[in-house]
C-alpha atoms as a PDB file:
ATOM      1  CA  MET A   1       0.025  -0.027   0.023  1.00  0.00           C
ATOM      2  CA  GLU A   2       2.812   2.458   0.845  1.00  0.00           C
ATOM      3  CA  LEU A   3       4.437   2.160  -2.482  1.00  0.00           C
ATOM      4  CA  ILE A   4       1.210   2.650  -4.326  1.00  0.00           C
ATOM      5  CA  LEU A   5       0.406   5.728  -2.318  1.00  0.00           C
ATOM      6  CA  LEU A   6       3.902   7.199  -2.790  1.00  0.00           C
ATOM      7  CA  LYS A   7       3.959   6.566  -6.554  1.00  0.00           C
ATOM      8  CA  PHE A   8       0.574   8.376  -6.797  1.00  0.00           C
ATOM      9  CA  VAL A   9       1.603  11.379  -4.741  1.00  0.00           C
ATOM     10  CA  ARG A  10       5.003  11.695  -6.541  1.00  0.00           C
ATOM     11  CA  GLY A  11       3.576  11.300  -9.994  1.00  0.00           C
ATOM     12  CA  ILE A  12       5.554  10.394 -13.085  1.00  0.00           C
ATOM     13  CA  SER A  13       9.007  11.722 -13.940  1.00  0.00           C
ATOM     14  CA  GLU A  14       9.457  14.383 -16.626  1.00  0.00           C
ATOM     15  CA  ASN A  15      11.612  12.045 -18.720  1.00  0.00           C
ATOM     16  CA  ALA A  16       9.322   8.894 -18.543  1.00  0.00           C
ATOM     17  CA  THR A  17       9.225   6.560 -21.451  1.00  0.00           C
ATOM     18  CA  LEU A  18       6.236   5.875 -23.549  1.00  0.00           C
ATOM     19  CA  TRP A  19       5.764   2.582 -21.706  1.00  0.00           C
ATOM     20  CA  GLU A  20       5.820   4.402 -18.288  1.00  0.00           C
ATOM     21  CA  LEU A  21       3.329   6.961 -19.624  1.00  0.00           C
ATOM     22  CA  ALA A  22       0.993   4.219 -20.749  1.00  0.00           C
ATOM     23  CA  LEU A  23       1.172   2.305 -17.471  1.00  0.00           C
ATOM     24  CA  ASN A  24       0.724   5.580 -15.484  1.00  0.00           C
ATOM     25  CA  ASN A  25      -2.316   6.484 -17.657  1.00  0.00           C
ATOM     26  CA  LYS A  26      -3.794   3.075 -17.059  1.00  0.00           C
ATOM     27  CA  TYR A  27      -2.866   2.402 -13.343  1.00  0.00           C
ATOM     28  CA  GLY A  28      -2.006   5.857 -12.036  1.00  0.00           C
ATOM     29  CA  LYS A  29      -5.424   7.346 -11.494  1.00  0.00           C
ATOM     30  CA  ILE A  30      -7.013   7.904  -8.114  1.00  0.00           C
ATOM     31  CA  ASP A  31      -9.661   5.179  -8.669  1.00  0.00           C
ATOM     32  CA  ARG A  32      -7.096   2.465  -9.181  1.00  0.00           C
ATOM     33  CA  VAL A  33      -5.178   3.710  -6.029  1.00  0.00           C
ATOM     34  CA  ARG A  34      -8.475   3.473  -4.042  1.00  0.00           C
ATOM     35  CA  LYS A  35      -9.186   0.033  -5.380  1.00  0.00           C
ATOM     36  CA  ARG A  36      -5.693  -1.080  -4.359  1.00  0.00           C
ATOM     37  CA  ILE A  37      -6.120   0.181  -0.928  1.00  0.00           C
ATOM     38  CA  GLU A  38      -9.537  -1.513  -0.600  1.00  0.00           C
ATOM     39  CA  TYR A  39      -7.780  -4.763  -1.799  1.00  0.00           C
ATOM     40  CA  ASP A  40      -5.045  -4.440   0.839  1.00  0.00           C
ATOM     41  CA  ILE A  41      -7.590  -3.844   3.550  1.00  0.00           C
ATOM     42  CA  LYS A  42      -9.551  -6.890   2.416  1.00  0.00           C
ATOM     43  CA  HIS A  43      -6.301  -8.998   2.585  1.00  0.00           C
ATOM     44  CA  GLY A  44      -4.785  -8.006   5.785  1.00  0.00           C
ATOM     45  CA  ILE A  45      -4.132  -4.344   6.729  1.00  0.00           C
ATOM     46  CA  THR A  46      -6.601  -2.557   8.903  1.00  0.00           C
ATOM     47  CA  LYS A  47      -8.323   0.723   8.212  1.00  0.00           C
ATOM     48  CA  ASP A  48      -6.498   2.221  11.063  1.00  0.00           C
ATOM     49  CA  GLU A  49      -3.102   1.165   9.582  1.00  0.00           C
ATOM     50  CA  ALA A  50      -4.114   2.777   6.278  1.00  0.00           C
ATOM     51  CA  PHE A  51      -5.194   5.979   7.912  1.00  0.00           C
ATOM     52  CA  THR A  52      -2.105   6.049  10.209  1.00  0.00           C
ATOM     53  CA  PHE A  53       0.168   5.852   7.130  1.00  0.00           C
ATOM     54  CA  LEU A  54      -1.744   8.648   5.298  1.00  0.00           C
ATOM     55  CA  GLN A  55      -1.240  10.798   8.511  1.00  0.00           C
ATOM     56  CA  PHE A  56       2.450   9.794   8.594  1.00  0.00           C
ATOM     57  CA  ILE A  57       2.921  10.979   4.939  1.00  0.00           C
ATOM     58  CA  ARG A  58       1.218  14.205   5.830  1.00  0.00           C
ATOM     59  CA  ASN A  59       3.165  15.111   9.016  1.00  0.00           C
ATOM     60  CA  ASP A  60       6.511  13.382   9.029  1.00  0.00           C
ATOM     61  CA  SER A  61       9.575  15.253   7.875  1.00  0.00           C
ATOM     62  CA  ASN A  62      10.886  12.097   5.972  1.00  0.00           C
ATOM     63  CA  TYR A  63       8.238  12.814   3.402  1.00  0.00           C
ATOM     64  CA  ASP A  64       9.006  16.462   2.859  1.00  0.00           C
ATOM     65  CA  GLU A  65      10.020  15.857  -0.753  1.00  0.00           C
ATOM     66  CA  VAL A  66       6.742  14.125  -1.404  1.00  0.00           C
ATOM     67  CA  ARG A  67       4.727  17.096   0.100  1.00  0.00           C
ATOM     68  CA  SER A  68       6.738  19.737  -1.758  1.00  0.00           C
ATOM     69  CA  GLY A  69       5.615  18.338  -5.160  1.00  0.00           C
ATOM     70  CA  LYS A  70       3.344  20.368  -7.443  1.00  0.00           C
ATOM     71  CA  GLY A  71      -0.357  19.900  -6.540  1.00  0.00           C
ATOM     72  CA  HIS A  72       0.164  18.887  -2.943  1.00  0.00           C
ATOM     73  CA  MET A  73      -2.792  19.750  -0.666  1.00  0.00           C
ATOM     74  CA  GLU A  74      -1.867  22.429   1.868  1.00  0.00           C
ATOM     75  CA  GLY A  75      -3.129  22.543   5.445  1.00  0.00           C
END
């Protein structure tokens, strides 16, 4: 779950190949991320763990580079 969320938040690199662009177009949308989180919850993680990780990304200094990206929610 963590890798999926971090990939979504970071987005795709500027020098991505056509293959990476196609994969991002197919699997990089918020609906696919939501489905993946639901799948992970169904197969082992709890909703509290998912929420805790989202809060961790929002507040921890280790994820400053993720939060500094274009389009990040403020507040």
